[in-house]
C-alpha atoms as a PDB file:
ATOM      1  CA  MET A   1     -11.919  -8.522  -0.017  1.00  0.00           C
ATOM      2  CA  SER A   2     -13.267  -6.150   3.385  1.00  0.00           C
ATOM      3  CA  LEU A   3     -10.397  -7.109   6.077  1.00  0.00           C
ATOM      4  CA  SER A   4     -11.191  -7.055   9.777  1.00  0.00           C
ATOM      5  CA  GLN A   5      -9.796  -4.367  11.614  1.00  0.00           C
ATOM      6  CA  ALA A   6      -7.595  -7.292  13.625  1.00  0.00           C
ATOM      7  CA  GLN A   7      -5.778  -7.921  10.055  1.00  0.00           C
ATOM      8  CA  LYS A   8      -5.764  -3.879   9.427  1.00  0.00           C
ATOM      9  CA  LYS A   9      -3.935  -3.736  12.689  1.00  0.00           C
ATOM     10  CA  ALA A  10      -1.694  -6.287  12.221  1.00  0.00           C
ATOM     11  CA  PHE A  11      -0.929  -4.379   8.648  1.00  0.00           C
ATOM     12  CA  ARG A  12      -0.873  -0.760  10.307  1.00  0.00           C
ATOM     13  CA  SER A  13       2.004  -2.852  12.450  1.00  0.00           C
ATOM     14  CA  ILE A  14       3.901  -3.809   9.769  1.00  0.00           C
ATOM     15  CA  GLY A  15       3.434  -1.058   7.417  1.00  0.00           C
ATOM     16  CA  HIS A  16       4.896   1.390  10.220  1.00  0.00           C
ATOM     17  CA  HIS A  17       8.338   0.172   9.320  1.00  0.00           C
ATOM     18  CA  LEU A  18       8.162   0.069   5.533  1.00  0.00           C
ATOM     19  CA  ASP A  19       8.987   2.995   2.915  1.00  0.00           C
ATOM     20  CA  PRO A  20       7.338   4.198   0.165  1.00  0.00           C
ATOM     21  CA  VAL A  21       8.456   2.297  -3.185  1.00  0.00           C
ATOM     22  CA  VAL A  22       5.752   4.368  -5.175  1.00  0.00           C
ATOM     23  CA  THR A  23       5.478   8.304  -5.330  1.00  0.00           C
ATOM     24  CA  VAL A  24       2.526   9.685  -7.360  1.00  0.00           C
ATOM     25  CA  SER A  25       3.725  13.952  -8.731  1.00  0.00           C
ATOM     26  CA  GLU A  26       1.434  16.326  -9.229  1.00  0.00           C
ATOM     27  CA  ASN A  27       1.536  14.930 -12.611  1.00  0.00           C
ATOM     28  CA  GLY A  28      -1.016  12.237 -11.777  1.00  0.00           C
ATOM     29  CA  ILE A  29      -1.278   8.424 -12.615  1.00  0.00           C
ATOM     30  CA  SER A  30       0.436   7.572 -15.610  1.00  0.00           C
ATOM     31  CA  GLU A  31       0.496   4.060 -17.235  1.00  0.00           C
ATOM     32  CA  GLY A  32       4.252   3.820 -15.585  1.00  0.00           C
ATOM     33  CA  VAL A  33       2.833   4.564 -12.118  1.00  0.00           C
ATOM     34  CA  VAL A  34       0.365   2.197 -12.160  1.00  0.00           C
ATOM     35  CA  ALA A  35       2.662  -0.539 -13.895  1.00  0.00           C
ATOM     36  CA  GLU A  36       5.094   0.087 -11.050  1.00  0.00           C
ATOM     37  CA  LEU A  37       2.055   0.001  -8.534  1.00  0.00           C
ATOM     38  CA  ASP A  38       0.938  -3.272 -10.193  1.00  0.00           C
ATOM     39  CA  ARG A  39       4.499  -4.603  -9.391  1.00  0.00           C
ATOM     40  CA  ALA A  40       4.977  -3.553  -6.062  1.00  0.00           C
ATOM     41  CA  LEU A  41       1.848  -4.681  -4.969  1.00  0.00           C
ATOM     42  CA  GLY A  42       2.469  -8.282  -6.201  1.00  0.00           C
ATOM     43  CA  ASP A  43       5.799  -8.534  -4.916  1.00  0.00           C
ATOM     44  CA  HIS A  44       5.169  -7.193  -1.461  1.00  0.00           C
ATOM     45  CA  GLU A  45       1.133  -6.955  -0.832  1.00  0.00           C
ATOM     46  CA  LEU A  46       1.453  -3.960   1.529  1.00  0.00           C
ATOM     47  CA  ILE A  47       2.795  -1.045   0.630  1.00  0.00           C
ATOM     48  CA  LYS A  48       3.737   2.383   1.271  1.00  0.00           C
ATOM     49  CA  VAL A  49       2.889   4.911  -1.307  1.00  0.00           C
ATOM     50  CA  LYS A  50       4.142   8.500  -1.285  1.00  0.00           C
ATOM     51  CA  LEU A  51       1.531  11.182  -2.566  1.00  0.00           C
ATOM     52  CA  ALA A  52       3.885  14.650  -3.484  1.00  0.00           C
ATOM     53  CA  LEU A  53       0.269  16.609  -3.839  1.00  0.00           C
ATOM     54  CA  PRO A  54      -0.133  19.952  -1.376  1.00  0.00           C
ATOM     55  CA  GLU A  55      -3.753  19.411  -0.946  1.00  0.00           C
ATOM     56  CA  ARG A  56      -5.531  16.983   1.476  1.00  0.00           C
ATOM     57  CA  ASP A  57      -8.878  16.542  -1.464  1.00  0.00           C
ATOM     58  CA  ASP A  58      -6.410  15.991  -4.416  1.00  0.00           C
ATOM     59  CA  ARG A  59      -4.376  13.289  -2.236  1.00  0.00           C
ATOM     60  CA  ALA A  60      -8.192  11.644  -1.231  1.00  0.00           C
ATOM     61  CA  ALA A  61      -8.695  11.549  -4.931  1.00  0.00           C
ATOM     62  CA  MET A  62      -5.436  10.427  -6.346  1.00  0.00           C
ATOM     63  CA  ILE A  63      -6.135   7.487  -3.240  1.00  0.00           C
ATOM     64  CA  ASP A  64      -9.138   6.426  -4.865  1.00  0.00           C
ATOM     65  CA  GLU A  65      -7.859   6.136  -8.208  1.00  0.00           C
ATOM     66  CA  LEU A  66      -4.908   4.284  -7.497  1.00  0.00           C
ATOM     67  CA  LEU A  67      -7.238   2.058  -5.538  1.00  0.00           C
ATOM     68  CA  ASP A  68      -9.641   1.839  -8.544  1.00  0.00           C
ATOM     69  CA  ALA A  69      -6.836   1.190 -10.774  1.00  0.00           C
ATOM     70  CA  SER A  70      -4.603  -1.613  -8.909  1.00  0.00           C
ATOM     71  CA  GLY A  71      -7.920  -3.341  -6.577  1.00  0.00           C
ATOM     72  CA  ALA A  72      -5.780  -2.888  -3.616  1.00  0.00           C
ATOM     73  CA  GLU A  73      -7.586  -1.705  -0.679  1.00  0.00           C
ATOM     74  CA  LEU A  74      -6.248   1.225   1.691  1.00  0.00           C
ATOM     75  CA  ILE A  75      -5.239   0.583   5.307  1.00  0.00           C
ATOM     76  CA  GLN A  76      -4.348   3.673   6.540  1.00  0.00           C
ATOM     77  CA  LYS A  77      -3.505   6.914   5.372  1.00  0.00           C
ATOM     78  CA  ILE A  78      -1.359   9.440   7.185  1.00  0.00           C
ATOM     79  CA  GLY A  79      -0.669  12.935   5.775  1.00  0.00           C
ATOM     80  CA  LYS A  80       1.079  12.282   2.618  1.00  0.00           C
ATOM     81  CA  VAL A  81       1.605   8.857   2.938  1.00  0.00           C
ATOM     82  CA  ALA A  82      -1.377   5.499   2.125  1.00  0.00           C
ATOM     83  CA  LEU A  83      -0.398   2.125   3.026  1.00  0.00           C
ATOM     84  CA  LEU A  84      -1.956  -0.310   0.469  1.00  0.00           C
ATOM     85  CA  TYR A  85      -2.743  -4.049   0.835  1.00  0.00           C
ATOM     86  CA  ARG A  86      -3.530  -6.589  -1.846  1.00  0.00           C
ATOM     87  CA  HIS A  87      -3.650 -10.200  -1.242  1.00  0.00           C
ATOM     88  CA  ASN A  88      -1.152 -12.348  -3.612  1.00  0.00           C
ATOM     89  CA  PRO A  89      -2.091 -16.309  -3.749  1.00  0.00           C
ATOM     90  CA  LYS A  90       1.125 -17.286  -5.164  1.00  0.00           C
ATOM     91  CA  VAL A  91       3.684 -14.777  -3.791  1.00  0.00           C
ATOM     92  CA  ASN A  92       7.177 -15.627  -3.127  1.00  0.00           C
ATOM     93  CA  PRO A  93       7.265 -15.468   0.488  1.00  0.00           C
ATOM     94  CA  LYS A  94      11.370 -13.471   0.253  1.00  0.00           C
ATOM     95  CA  LEU A  95       9.671 -10.656  -0.995  1.00  0.00           C
ATOM     96  CA  SER A  96       6.265 -10.242   0.604  1.00  0.00           C
ATOM     97  CA  ASN A  97       6.040  -7.557   3.703  1.00  0.00           C
ATOM     98  CA  ILE A  98       2.890  -9.632   4.896  1.00  0.00           C
ATOM     99  CA  LYS A  99       5.190 -13.197   5.313  1.00  0.00           C
ATOM    100  CA  ARG A 100       8.698 -11.641   5.749  1.00  0.00           C
ATOM    101  CA  PHE A 101       7.213  -9.457   9.375  1.00  0.00           C
ATOM    102  CA  GLU A 102       4.391 -11.664  10.121  1.00  0.00           C
ATOM    103  CA  ASN A 103       5.853 -12.450  13.648  1.00  0.00           C
ATOM    104  CA  HIS A 104       7.233  -9.224  14.056  1.00  0.00           C
ATOM    105  CA  HIS A 105       4.158  -7.051  14.577  1.00  0.00           C
ATOM    106  CA  GLY A 106       3.702  -7.629  18.558  1.00  0.00           C
ATOM    107  CA  ARG A 107       1.811 -11.082  18.531  1.00  0.00           C
ATOM    108  CA  ARG A 108       4.633 -13.368  19.367  1.00  0.00           C
END
């Protein structure tokens, strides 16, 4: 599901204004975290995930685990926040961050 650089740039622009909807703590990835991540990606397609881990290497490993568990693609990571995307062909246009903000990222 490789995205082009232009698509990633557009998604980063949209993601800039989003708040994290999933938080992963030092306890790691539980079934509840995976379920909430799956629900959020299904509803919104593009989401921010906050990683409440102090070490950079731990955050990188956690992002890899989240990507494997969800089938999502990493768009961007800055500090303790990762921007993830997973396409949903049956998405509700009123919930999808991609559909709602497609005209709000500088390409009017």
